[in-house]
Amino acid sequence: MAITFRQLEIFIAVAETQQVTRASKDLFLTQSAVSMSLGELENQLGGPLFDRHGRSLLLNDRGRYLLPLAKGILYQVINVESMLTEQRDTVAGSLEIVASSTIGNYVLPYLVGAFMRLHPEAHINMLVVNTLHAEELVKKGEADLGFVEGGISVDTLRATPWFEDELAIIISPTHKLGQKETFSIPDDLRQTNWVMREEGSGTAQIFREKLGRHADLLKVVTKMGHTEAIKKAVESGIGAACLSQLTVCRETEQGWLKYLPIEGVDMRRQLYIIQHREKVVTRLMEEFLSFCEVITQLGLGHECLSSPWKLQTLLAQYSIAKKEE
């Protein structure tokens, strides 16, 4: 009996979870069905693919050889299905994207909504995770595109620079520094209380790195685990914070918050779009990537893409640009 795609799919799931129980839950199959499929595959290939250590199944040398081949086969099947089923005369289908926190919460929701209004037959689903998880989902083919706030560490992925984000000091307009237009280091740093992200936050880490030896002057009065909580704490006047400008567009436009660039410190960071090197670019993917690129080019990377009002202006420019093509 020939090896089936389902057998390879089950083998990959067991290899990645190291347990039949967890693999069966991920695949929505019974444990007996997973065990039977795995046993049949091992019989067809003439020997075991795993070493059993307690309740865990670890790949042996044969399994490690098969795993990348199995993934490659399934990837090619997905590519063939995408190429043969998409309608070339319309932008339609379902796109799975994944994004890290700042992009997923403050940028892409408006872009996805605007794109789906332009193309009613296109459906885009988005999951917000950290950058490492985003890489994993794109690598495994569970996400078609990833939008992340940093470089990548997976050889099978390709990262394309999107646009630059910039961090800035965020204060309440009533803060004692509220009359200033820039933030001075070390003078302003010494007299400011700080609301910081929790340990392990990428934004907090970049801020400390940018401050260099002056980071020891930070007087942290509280730590919070979400950007929205930090913004509200700063609004209350408890202290200042360092956040992405993309996260505070609405608050600064309404006058609830004010941001101050830091004198003499480059606070920019690059945002990237990541995709699997072997994945076929479908019509829907191509159109969405083009849409994201044109919108950010029109905004020059500095417009408030997380602001629905400014996005409407960019969309009008995008429509004009499409008509002129």
C-alpha atoms as a PDB file:
ATOM      1  CA  MET A   1       0.000   0.000   0.000  1.00  0.00           C
ATOM      2  CA  ALA A   2       1.338   3.443  -0.960  1.00  0.00           C
ATOM      3  CA  ILE A   3       2.236   6.049   1.655  1.00  0.00           C
ATOM      4  CA  THR A   4      -0.534   8.638   1.986  1.00  0.00           C
ATOM      5  CA  PHE A   5      -0.333  12.359   2.587  1.00  0.00           C
ATOM      6  CA  ARG A   6      -2.371  11.852   5.762  1.00  0.00           C
ATOM      7  CA  GLN A   7       0.252   9.446   7.104  1.00  0.00           C
ATOM      8  CA  LEU A   8       2.970  12.041   6.510  1.00  0.00           C
ATOM      9  CA  GLU A   9       0.854  14.720   8.165  1.00  0.00           C
ATOM     10  CA  ILE A  10       0.374  12.514  11.240  1.00  0.00           C
ATOM     11  CA  PHE A  11       4.073  11.614  11.321  1.00  0.00           C
ATOM     12  CA  ILE A  12       5.031  15.323  11.291  1.00  0.00           C
ATOM     13  CA  ALA A  13       2.566  16.104  14.081  1.00  0.00           C
ATOM     14  CA  VAL A  14       3.927  13.304  16.291  1.00  0.00           C
ATOM     15  CA  ALA A  15       7.517  14.357  15.550  1.00  0.00           C
ATOM     16  CA  GLU A  16       6.800  17.970  16.570  1.00  0.00           C
ATOM     17  CA  THR A  17       4.728  17.214  19.667  1.00  0.00           C
ATOM     18  CA  GLN A  18       6.686  14.085  20.692  1.00  0.00           C
ATOM     19  CA  GLN A  19       3.447  12.508  21.919  1.00  0.00           C
ATOM     20  CA  VAL A  20       0.582  10.629  20.292  1.00  0.00           C
ATOM     21  CA  THR A  21      -1.850  12.246  22.737  1.00  0.00           C
ATOM     22  CA  ARG A  22      -0.892  15.835  21.841  1.00  0.00           C
ATOM     23  CA  ALA A  23      -0.691  15.046  18.122  1.00  0.00           C
ATOM     24  CA  SER A  24      -4.182  13.537  18.136  1.00  0.00           C
ATOM     25  CA  LYS A  25      -5.582  16.692  19.779  1.00  0.00           C
ATOM     26  CA  ASP A  26      -3.872  18.953  17.232  1.00  0.00           C
ATOM     27  CA  LEU A  27      -5.205  16.847  14.346  1.00  0.00           C
ATOM     28  CA  PHE A  28      -8.668  16.271  15.869  1.00  0.00           C
ATOM     29  CA  LEU A  29      -8.180  12.494  15.617  1.00  0.00           C
ATOM     30  CA  THR A  30      -8.429   9.714  18.155  1.00  0.00           C
ATOM     31  CA  GLN A  31      -5.229   8.411  19.733  1.00  0.00           C
ATOM     32  CA  SER A  32      -5.867   4.983  18.254  1.00  0.00           C
ATOM     33  CA  ALA A  33      -6.170   6.458  14.737  1.00  0.00           C
ATOM     34  CA  VAL A  34      -2.851   8.278  15.139  1.00  0.00           C
ATOM     35  CA  SER A  35      -1.113   5.197  16.550  1.00  0.00           C
ATOM     36  CA  MET A  36      -2.498   2.974  13.780  1.00  0.00           C
ATOM     37  CA  SER A  37      -1.406   5.389  11.035  1.00  0.00           C
ATOM     38  CA  LEU A  38       2.068   5.711  12.534  1.00  0.00           C
ATOM     39  CA  GLY A  39       2.383   1.942  12.863  1.00  0.00           C
ATOM     40  CA  GLU A  40       1.368   1.426   9.243  1.00  0.00           C
ATOM     41  CA  LEU A  41       3.899   4.012   8.064  1.00  0.00           C
ATOM     42  CA  GLU A  42       6.700   2.341  10.035  1.00  0.00           C
ATOM     43  CA  ASN A  43       5.738  -1.063   8.599  1.00  0.00           C
ATOM     44  CA  GLN A  44       5.745   0.326   5.059  1.00  0.00           C
ATOM     45  CA  LEU A  45       9.190   1.880   5.603  1.00  0.00           C
ATOM     46  CA  GLY A  46      10.613  -1.272   7.144  1.00  0.00           C
ATOM     47  CA  GLY A  47      11.340  -0.125  10.683  1.00  0.00           C
ATOM     48  CA  PRO A  48      10.664   2.308  13.531  1.00  0.00           C
ATOM     49  CA  LEU A  49      10.937   6.070  13.121  1.00  0.00           C
ATOM     50  CA  PHE A  50      10.953   6.933  16.828  1.00  0.00           C
ATOM     51  CA  ASP A  51      12.727   5.960  20.034  1.00  0.00           C
ATOM     52  CA  ARG A  52      10.399   5.699  23.006  1.00  0.00           C
ATOM     53  CA  HIS A  53      11.557   7.473  26.181  1.00  0.00           C
ATOM     54  CA  GLY A  54       8.869   7.137  28.825  1.00  0.00           C
ATOM     55  CA  ARG A  55       5.781   8.863  27.425  1.00  0.00           C
ATOM     56  CA  SER A  56       7.771  10.735  24.789  1.00  0.00           C
ATOM     57  CA  LEU A  57       8.480   9.706  21.193  1.00  0.00           C
ATOM     58  CA  LEU A  58      11.826  11.015  19.939  1.00  0.00           C
ATOM     59  CA  LEU A  59      12.926  10.757  16.304  1.00  0.00           C
ATOM     60  CA  ASN A  60      15.633   8.210  15.588  1.00  0.00           C
ATOM     61  CA  ASP A  61      18.087   8.579  12.679  1.00  0.00           C
ATOM     62  CA  ARG A  62      15.505   7.248  10.194  1.00  0.00           C
ATOM     63  CA  GLY A  63      12.837   9.643  11.477  1.00  0.00           C
ATOM     64  CA  ARG A  64      15.191  12.619  11.336  1.00  0.00           C
ATOM     65  CA  TYR A  65      15.944  11.763   7.712  1.00  0.00           C
ATOM     66  CA  LEU A  66      12.252  11.489   6.812  1.00  0.00           C
ATOM     67  CA  LEU A  67      11.003  14.638   8.581  1.00  0.00           C
ATOM     68  CA  PRO A  68      12.325  17.329   6.177  1.00  0.00           C
ATOM     69  CA  LEU A  69      11.354  15.185   3.178  1.00  0.00           C
ATOM     70  CA  ALA A  70       7.806  14.774   4.486  1.00  0.00           C
ATOM     71  CA  LYS A  71       7.465  18.498   5.134  1.00  0.00           C
ATOM     72  CA  GLY A  72       8.741  19.269   1.637  1.00  0.00           C
ATOM     73  CA  ILE A  73       6.231  16.885   0.058  1.00  0.00           C
ATOM     74  CA  LEU A  74       3.273  18.393   1.914  1.00  0.00           C
ATOM     75  CA  TYR A  75       4.450  21.911   1.080  1.00  0.00           C
ATOM     76  CA  GLN A  76       4.497  21.073  -2.623  1.00  0.00           C
ATOM     77  CA  VAL A  77       0.965  19.625  -2.394  1.00  0.00           C
ATOM     78  CA  ILE A  78      -0.253  22.878  -0.804  1.00  0.00           C
ATOM     79  CA  ASN A  79       1.431  24.859  -3.578  1.00  0.00           C
ATOM     80  CA  VAL A  80      -0.198  22.748  -6.300  1.00  0.00           C
ATOM     81  CA  GLU A  81      -3.624  23.161  -4.689  1.00  0.00           C
ATOM     82  CA  SER A  82      -3.127  26.927  -4.455  1.00  0.00           C
ATOM     83  CA  MET A  83      -2.060  27.245  -8.091  1.00  0.00           C
ATOM     84  CA  LEU A  84      -4.823  25.088  -9.534  1.00  0.00           C
ATOM     85  CA  THR A  85      -7.781  26.277  -7.470  1.00  0.00           C
ATOM     86  CA  GLU A  86      -7.345  30.055  -7.395  1.00  0.00           C
ATOM     87  CA  GLN A  87      -9.287  32.183  -9.839  1.00  0.00           C
ATOM     88  CA  ARG A  88      -6.824  34.272 -11.812  1.00  0.00           C
ATOM     89  CA  ASP A  89      -9.404  36.852 -12.893  1.00  0.00           C
ATOM     90  CA  THR A  90     -10.376  37.927  -9.382  1.00  0.00           C
ATOM     91  CA  VAL A  91      -8.806  38.494  -5.979  1.00  0.00           C
ATOM     92  CA  ALA A  92     -10.451  35.806  -3.863  1.00  0.00           C
ATOM     93  CA  GLY A  93      -9.613  33.164  -1.317  1.00  0.00           C
ATOM     94  CA  SER A  94      -8.526  32.889   2.301  1.00  0.00           C
ATOM     95  CA  LEU A  95      -5.170  34.173   3.544  1.00  0.00           C
ATOM     96  CA  GLU A  96      -3.700  33.247   6.923  1.00  0.00           C
ATOM     97  CA  ILE A  97      -1.346  35.882   8.361  1.00  0.00           C
ATOM     98  CA  VAL A  98       0.447  36.176  11.672  1.00  0.00           C
ATOM     99  CA  ALA A  99       1.859  39.318  13.300  1.00  0.00           C
ATOM    100  CA  SER A 100       3.831  40.374  16.336  1.00  0.00           C
ATOM    101  CA  SER A 101       2.207  42.597  18.946  1.00  0.00           C
ATOM    102  CA  THR A 102       2.662  46.192  17.739  1.00  0.00           C
ATOM    103  CA  ILE A 103       1.910  45.404  14.098  1.00  0.00           C
ATOM    104  CA  GLY A 104      -0.920  42.977  14.845  1.00  0.00           C
ATOM    105  CA  ASN A 105      -2.710  45.191  17.338  1.00  0.00           C
ATOM    106  CA  TYR A 106      -2.161  48.660  15.866  1.00  0.00           C
ATOM    107  CA  VAL A 107      -1.360  48.484  12.131  1.00  0.00           C
ATOM    108  CA  LEU A 108      -2.730  45.443  10.325  1.00  0.00           C
ATOM    109  CA  PRO A 109      -6.365  45.518  11.543  1.00  0.00           C
ATOM    110  CA  TYR A 110      -7.006  48.719   9.555  1.00  0.00           C
ATOM    111  CA  LEU A 111      -5.036  47.506   6.519  1.00  0.00           C
ATOM    112  CA  VAL A 112      -6.814  44.134   6.500  1.00  0.00           C
ATOM    113  CA  GLY A 113     -10.210  45.813   6.816  1.00  0.00           C
ATOM    114  CA  ALA A 114      -9.440  48.269   4.015  1.00  0.00           C
ATOM    115  CA  PHE A 115      -8.140  45.480   1.734  1.00  0.00           C
ATOM    116  CA  MET A 116     -11.216  43.317   2.309  1.00  0.00           C
ATOM    117  CA  ARG A 117     -13.492  46.245   1.462  1.00  0.00           C
ATOM    118  CA  LEU A 118     -11.636  46.626  -1.843  1.00  0.00           C
ATOM    119  CA  HIS A 119     -11.837  42.846  -2.487  1.00  0.00           C
ATOM    120  CA  PRO A 120     -15.072  41.443  -0.971  1.00  0.00           C
ATOM    121  CA  GLU A 121     -14.268  37.874  -2.022  1.00  0.00           C
ATOM    122  CA  ALA A 122     -10.947  37.905  -0.150  1.00  0.00           C
ATOM    123  CA  HIS A 123     -10.817  36.758   3.465  1.00  0.00           C
ATOM    124  CA  ILE A 124      -7.819  37.416   5.707  1.00  0.00           C
ATOM    125  CA  ASN A 125      -7.455  35.780   9.118  1.00  0.00           C
ATOM    126  CA  MET A 126      -4.839  37.101  11.544  1.00  0.00           C
ATOM    127  CA  LEU A 127      -3.208  35.720  14.688  1.00  0.00           C
ATOM    128  CA  VAL A 128      -1.185  37.996  17.023  1.00  0.00           C
ATOM    129  CA  VAL A 129       1.816  36.289  18.661  1.00  0.00           C
ATOM    130  CA  ASN A 130       5.452  37.093  19.459  1.00  0.00           C
ATOM    131  CA  THR A 131       8.083  37.143  16.721  1.00  0.00           C
ATOM    132  CA  LEU A 132       9.530  33.696  17.485  1.00  0.00           C
ATOM    133  CA  HIS A 133       6.083  32.094  17.360  1.00  0.00           C
ATOM    134  CA  ALA A 134       5.330  33.941  14.119  1.00  0.00           C
ATOM    135  CA  GLU A 135       8.486  32.499  12.565  1.00  0.00           C
ATOM    136  CA  GLU A 136       7.467  28.986  13.609  1.00  0.00           C
ATOM    137  CA  LEU A 137       3.971  29.276  12.132  1.00  0.00           C
ATOM    138  CA  VAL A 138       5.278  30.558   8.789  1.00  0.00           C
ATOM    139  CA  LYS A 139       8.013  27.899   8.738  1.00  0.00           C
ATOM    140  CA  LYS A 140       5.433  25.130   9.294  1.00  0.00           C
ATOM    141  CA  GLY A 141       3.131  26.526   6.600  1.00  0.00           C
ATOM    142  CA  GLU A 142       0.337  27.294   9.083  1.00  0.00           C
ATOM    143  CA  ALA A 143       0.581  30.985   8.161  1.00  0.00           C
ATOM    144  CA  ASP A 144       1.048  32.335   4.647  1.00  0.00           C
ATOM    145  CA  LEU A 145       2.706  35.599   5.703  1.00  0.00           C
ATOM    146  CA  GLY A 146       4.229  37.001   8.876  1.00  0.00           C
ATOM    147  CA  PHE A 147       4.673  40.619   9.962  1.00  0.00           C
ATOM    148  CA  VAL A 148       7.344  41.034  12.638  1.00  0.00           C
ATOM    149  CA  GLU A 149       9.381  43.643  14.501  1.00  0.00           C
ATOM    150  CA  GLY A 150      12.876  42.320  13.948  1.00  0.00           C
ATOM    151  CA  GLY A 151      15.176  40.031  12.020  1.00  0.00           C
ATOM    152  CA  ILE A 152      14.553  36.301  11.605  1.00  0.00           C
ATOM    153  CA  SER A 153      16.599  33.257  12.591  1.00  0.00           C
ATOM    154  CA  VAL A 154      15.118  30.560  10.299  1.00  0.00           C
ATOM    155  CA  ASP A 155      16.961  29.684   7.082  1.00  0.00           C
ATOM    156  CA  THR A 156      13.841  28.543   5.234  1.00  0.00           C
ATOM    157  CA  LEU A 157      12.204  31.966   5.603  1.00  0.00           C
ATOM    158  CA  ARG A 158      12.698  35.143   3.585  1.00  0.00           C
ATOM    159  CA  ALA A 159      12.418  38.542   5.300  1.00  0.00           C
ATOM    160  CA  THR A 160      11.528  41.628   3.257  1.00  0.00           C
ATOM    161  CA  PRO A 161      11.948  45.067   4.882  1.00  0.00           C
ATOM    162  CA  TRP A 162       8.540  46.743   5.192  1.00  0.00           C
ATOM    163  CA  PHE A 163       8.868  50.115   6.894  1.00  0.00           C
ATOM    164  CA  GLU A 164      10.509  51.646   9.941  1.00  0.00           C
ATOM    165  CA  ASP A 165       8.859  52.098  13.295  1.00  0.00           C
ATOM    166  CA  GLU A 166      10.166  54.585  15.846  1.00  0.00           C
ATOM    167  CA  LEU A 167      10.083  54.515  19.624  1.00  0.00           C
ATOM    168  CA  ALA A 168       9.511  57.722  21.578  1.00  0.00           C
ATOM    169  CA  ILE A 169       8.953  58.971  25.109  1.00  0.00           C
ATOM    170  CA  ILE A 170       5.239  59.136  25.965  1.00  0.00           C
ATOM    171  CA  ILE A 171       3.957  61.584  28.588  1.00  0.00           C
ATOM    172  CA  SER A 172       0.699  63.142  29.737  1.00  0.00           C
ATOM    173  CA  PRO A 173       0.199  66.735  28.472  1.00  0.00           C
ATOM    174  CA  THR A 174       0.073  67.783  32.152  1.00  0.00           C
ATOM    175  CA  HIS A 175       3.456  66.180  32.903  1.00  0.00           C
ATOM    176  CA  LYS A 176       6.215  68.526  34.052  1.00  0.00           C
ATOM    177  CA  LEU A 177       7.943  67.934  30.692  1.00  0.00           C
ATOM    178  CA  GLY A 178       4.730  68.679  28.789  1.00  0.00           C
ATOM    179  CA  GLN A 179       5.990  72.014  27.468  1.00  0.00           C
ATOM    180  CA  LYS A 180       9.086  70.476  25.889  1.00  0.00           C
ATOM    181  CA  GLU A 181       9.351  69.264  22.278  1.00  0.00           C
ATOM    182  CA  THR A 182      12.239  66.831  22.810  1.00  0.00           C
ATOM    183  CA  PHE A 183      13.564  64.653  25.617  1.00  0.00           C
ATOM    184  CA  SER A 184      17.101  65.333  26.829  1.00  0.00           C
ATOM    185  CA  ILE A 185      19.463  62.702  28.206  1.00  0.00           C
ATOM    186  CA  PRO A 186      20.588  62.602  30.950  1.00  0.00           C
ATOM    187  CA  ASP A 187      18.915  65.719  32.421  1.00  0.00           C
ATOM    188  CA  ASP A 188      15.258  64.799  31.759  1.00  0.00           C
ATOM    189  CA  LEU A 189      15.958  61.169  32.581  1.00  0.00           C
ATOM    190  CA  ARG A 190      17.006  62.008  36.131  1.00  0.00           C
ATOM    191  CA  GLN A 191      13.763  63.800  37.003  1.00  0.00           C
ATOM    192  CA  THR A 192      11.271  61.332  35.444  1.00  0.00           C
ATOM    193  CA  ASN A 193       9.376  58.390  36.900  1.00  0.00           C
ATOM    194  CA  TRP A 194       8.841  55.482  34.483  1.00  0.00           C
ATOM    195  CA  VAL A 195       6.098  53.033  33.595  1.00  0.00           C
ATOM    196  CA  MET A 196       7.839  50.053  31.954  1.00  0.00           C
ATOM    197  CA  ARG A 197       6.896  46.846  30.167  1.00  0.00           C
ATOM    198  CA  GLU A 198       7.613  43.590  31.974  1.00  0.00           C
ATOM    199  CA  GLU A 199      10.993  41.860  31.799  1.00  0.00           C
ATOM    200  CA  GLY A 200      11.486  40.195  28.431  1.00  0.00           C
ATOM    201  CA  SER A 201       9.633  42.860  26.470  1.00  0.00           C
ATOM    202  CA  GLY A 202      11.353  43.691  23.181  1.00  0.00           C
ATOM    203  CA  THR A 203      10.402  47.372  23.425  1.00  0.00           C
ATOM    204  CA  ALA A 204      11.788  47.648  26.969  1.00  0.00           C
ATOM    205  CA  GLN A 205      14.988  45.899  25.908  1.00  0.00           C
ATOM    206  CA  ILE A 206      15.527  48.217  22.932  1.00  0.00           C
ATOM    207  CA  PHE A 207      14.884  51.283  25.141  1.00  0.00           C
ATOM    208  CA  ARG A 208      17.521  50.218  27.661  1.00  0.00           C
ATOM    209  CA  GLU A 209      19.988  49.438  24.871  1.00  0.00           C
ATOM    210  CA  LYS A 210      19.432  52.875  23.318  1.00  0.00           C
ATOM    211  CA  LEU A 211      20.013  54.557  26.689  1.00  0.00           C
ATOM    212  CA  GLY A 212      23.312  52.730  27.069  1.00  0.00           C
ATOM    213  CA  ARG A 213      25.166  53.692  30.275  1.00  0.00           C
ATOM    214  CA  HIS A 214      22.334  56.090  31.183  1.00  0.00           C
ATOM    215  CA  ALA A 215      19.913  53.159  31.664  1.00  0.00           C
ATOM    216  CA  ASP A 216      20.974  53.045  35.329  1.00  0.00           C
ATOM    217  CA  LEU A 217      19.208  56.402  35.809  1.00  0.00           C
ATOM    218  CA  LEU A 218      15.773  54.884  35.054  1.00  0.00           C
ATOM    219  CA  LYS A 219      13.508  55.254  38.091  1.00  0.00           C
ATOM    220  CA  VAL A 220      10.839  52.609  37.438  1.00  0.00           C
ATOM    221  CA  VAL A 221       7.747  53.063  39.629  1.00  0.00           C
ATOM    222  CA  THR A 222       5.624  50.329  38.049  1.00  0.00           C
ATOM    223  CA  LYS A 223       5.743  47.575  35.396  1.00  0.00           C
ATOM    224  CA  MET A 224       2.801  46.535  33.242  1.00  0.00           C
ATOM    225  CA  GLY A 225       2.367  43.698  30.779  1.00  0.00           C
ATOM    226  CA  HIS A 226       0.366  45.375  28.025  1.00  0.00           C
ATOM    227  CA  THR A 227       0.726  48.530  25.949  1.00  0.00           C
ATOM    228  CA  GLU A 228      -2.860  49.635  26.601  1.00  0.00           C
ATOM    229  CA  ALA A 229      -2.323  49.473  30.361  1.00  0.00           C
ATOM    230  CA  ILE A 230       0.869  51.520  30.062  1.00  0.00           C
ATOM    231  CA  LYS A 231      -0.872  54.198  27.990  1.00  0.00           C
ATOM    232  CA  LYS A 232      -3.639  54.570  30.565  1.00  0.00           C
ATOM    233  CA  ALA A 233      -1.121  54.738  33.422  1.00  0.00           C
ATOM    234  CA  VAL A 234       0.786  57.492  31.608  1.00  0.00           C
ATOM    235  CA  GLU A 235      -2.479  59.353  30.938  1.00  0.00           C
ATOM    236  CA  SER A 236      -3.139  59.288  34.676  1.00  0.00           C
ATOM    237  CA  GLY A 237       0.113  61.178  35.258  1.00  0.00           C
ATOM    238  CA  ILE A 238       2.018  58.478  37.136  1.00  0.00           C
ATOM    239  CA  GLY A 239       5.072  58.807  34.906  1.00  0.00           C
ATOM    240  CA  ALA A 240       6.532  58.538  31.408  1.00  0.00           C
ATOM    241  CA  ALA A 241       6.963  55.495  29.163  1.00  0.00           C
ATOM    242  CA  CYS A 242       8.776  54.478  25.994  1.00  0.00           C
ATOM    243  CA  LEU A 243       6.447  53.076  23.323  1.00  0.00           C
ATOM    244  CA  SER A 244       6.192  52.729  19.565  1.00  0.00           C
ATOM    245  CA  GLN A 245       4.699  55.819  17.909  1.00  0.00           C
ATOM    246  CA  LEU A 246       2.375  53.429  16.049  1.00  0.00           C
ATOM    247  CA  THR A 247       0.666  52.516  19.324  1.00  0.00           C
ATOM    248  CA  VAL A 248      -0.271  56.060  20.364  1.00  0.00           C
ATOM    249  CA  CYS A 249      -1.542  57.670  17.145  1.00  0.00           C
ATOM    250  CA  ARG A 250      -5.115  58.044  18.344  1.00  0.00           C
ATOM    251  CA  GLU A 251      -4.120  59.321  21.796  1.00  0.00           C
ATOM    252  CA  THR A 252      -1.719  61.951  20.435  1.00  0.00           C
ATOM    253  CA  GLU A 253      -4.250  63.126  17.823  1.00  0.00           C
ATOM    254  CA  GLN A 254      -6.863  63.543  20.566  1.00  0.00           C
ATOM    255  CA  GLY A 255      -4.406  65.306  22.865  1.00  0.00           C
ATOM    256  CA  TRP A 256      -4.584  62.629  25.566  1.00  0.00           C
ATOM    257  CA  LEU A 257      -0.868  61.864  25.254  1.00  0.00           C
ATOM    258  CA  LYS A 258       2.190  63.619  23.888  1.00  0.00           C
ATOM    259  CA  TYR A 259       5.318  61.994  22.534  1.00  0.00           C
ATOM    260  CA  LEU A 260       8.832  63.401  22.710  1.00  0.00           C
ATOM    261  CA  PRO A 261      11.678  62.266  20.462  1.00  0.00           C
ATOM    262  CA  ILE A 262      14.961  61.726  22.313  1.00  0.00           C
ATOM    263  CA  GLU A 263      17.677  64.234  21.415  1.00  0.00           C
ATOM    264  CA  GLY A 264      20.653  62.626  19.687  1.00  0.00           C
ATOM    265  CA  VAL A 265      19.349  59.025  19.866  1.00  0.00           C
ATOM    266  CA  ASP A 266      18.182  57.037  16.839  1.00  0.00           C
ATOM    267  CA  MET A 267      15.093  55.171  18.110  1.00  0.00           C
ATOM    268  CA  ARG A 268      14.092  53.586  14.790  1.00  0.00           C
ATOM    269  CA  ARG A 269      13.574  49.851  14.270  1.00  0.00           C
ATOM    270  CA  GLN A 270      12.869  47.908  11.081  1.00  0.00           C
ATOM    271  CA  LEU A 271       9.624  46.013  10.514  1.00  0.00           C
ATOM    272  CA  TYR A 272       9.638  42.988   8.184  1.00  0.00           C
ATOM    273  CA  ILE A 273       7.289  40.783   6.168  1.00  0.00           C
ATOM    274  CA  ILE A 274       8.347  37.123   6.301  1.00  0.00           C
ATOM    275  CA  GLN A 275       7.324  34.191   4.107  1.00  0.00           C
ATOM    276  CA  HIS A 276       8.499  30.658   3.368  1.00  0.00           C
ATOM    277  CA  ARG A 277      11.076  30.536   0.555  1.00  0.00           C
ATOM    278  CA  GLU A 278       9.337  27.592  -1.156  1.00  0.00           C
ATOM    279  CA  LYS A 279       5.770  28.859  -0.899  1.00  0.00           C
ATOM    280  CA  VAL A 280       3.999  29.763  -4.132  1.00  0.00           C
ATOM    281  CA  VAL A 281       2.815  33.381  -4.190  1.00  0.00           C
ATOM    282  CA  THR A 282      -0.870  33.272  -5.114  1.00  0.00           C
ATOM    283  CA  ARG A 283      -2.869  36.099  -6.658  1.00  0.00           C
ATOM    284  CA  LEU A 284      -4.343  36.980  -3.261  1.00  0.00           C
ATOM    285  CA  MET A 285      -0.931  37.042  -1.565  1.00  0.00           C
ATOM    286  CA  GLU A 286       0.518  39.111  -4.395  1.00  0.00           C
ATOM    287  CA  GLU A 287      -2.272  41.681  -4.195  1.00  0.00           C
ATOM    288  CA  PHE A 288      -2.106  41.960  -0.398  1.00  0.00           C
ATOM    289  CA  LEU A 289       1.687  42.339  -0.412  1.00  0.00           C
ATOM    290  CA  SER A 290       1.378  44.997  -3.115  1.00  0.00           C
ATOM    291  CA  PHE A 291      -1.312  46.765  -1.084  1.00  0.00           C
ATOM    292  CA  CYS A 292       0.866  46.812   2.051  1.00  0.00           C
ATOM    293  CA  GLU A 293       3.881  48.036   0.102  1.00  0.00           C
ATOM    294  CA  VAL A 294       2.063  50.852  -1.711  1.00  0.00           C
ATOM    295  CA  ILE A 295       0.275  52.051   1.431  1.00  0.00           C
ATOM    296  CA  THR A 296       3.534  52.317   3.362  1.00  0.00           C
ATOM    297  CA  GLN A 297       5.327  53.955   0.425  1.00  0.00           C
ATOM    298  CA  LEU A 298       2.608  56.572   0.224  1.00  0.00           C
ATOM    299  CA  GLY A 299       2.954  57.075   3.960  1.00  0.00           C
ATOM    300  CA  LEU A 300       6.749  57.235   3.646  1.00  0.00           C
ATOM    301  CA  GLY A 301       6.993  54.955   6.666  1.00  0.00           C
ATOM    302  CA  HIS A 302       6.222  57.844   9.005  1.00  0.00           C
ATOM    303  CA  GLU A 303       2.465  58.266   8.653  1.00  0.00           C
ATOM    304  CA  CYS A 304       0.228  56.960  11.406  1.00  0.00           C
ATOM    305  CA  LEU A 305      -0.870  53.726   9.760  1.00  0.00           C
ATOM    306  CA  SER A 306      -2.707  52.823  12.957  1.00  0.00           C
ATOM    307  CA  SER A 307      -4.945  55.860  12.537  1.00  0.00           C
ATOM    308  CA  PRO A 308      -8.152  55.171  10.562  1.00  0.00           C
ATOM    309  CA  TRP A 309      -8.436  58.829   9.582  1.00  0.00           C
ATOM    310  CA  LYS A 310      -4.987  59.100   8.048  1.00  0.00           C
ATOM    311  CA  LEU A 311      -5.429  55.685   6.467  1.00  0.00           C
ATOM    312  CA  GLN A 312      -8.447  56.975   4.554  1.00  0.00           C
ATOM    313  CA  THR A 313      -6.216  59.629   2.971  1.00  0.00           C
ATOM    314  CA  LEU A 314      -3.641  56.990   2.043  1.00  0.00           C
ATOM    315  CA  LEU A 315      -6.350  54.784   0.542  1.00  0.00           C
ATOM    316  CA  ALA A 316      -7.521  57.617  -1.679  1.00  0.00           C
ATOM    317  CA  GLN A 317      -3.938  58.006  -2.907  1.00  0.00           C
ATOM    318  CA  TYR A 318      -3.696  54.237  -3.396  1.00  0.00           C
ATOM    319  CA  SER A 319      -6.825  54.227  -5.582  1.00  0.00           C
ATOM    320  CA  ILE A 320      -5.388  56.993  -7.742  1.00  0.00           C
ATOM    321  CA  ALA A 321      -2.086  55.091  -8.049  1.00  0.00           C
ATOM    322  CA  LYS A 322      -3.909  51.895  -9.129  1.00  0.00           C
ATOM    323  CA  LYS A 323      -5.853  53.767 -11.829  1.00  0.00           C
ATOM    324  CA  GLU A 324      -2.632  55.241 -13.202  1.00  0.00           C
ATOM    325  CA  GLU A 325      -0.968  51.791 -13.563  1.00  0.00           C
END
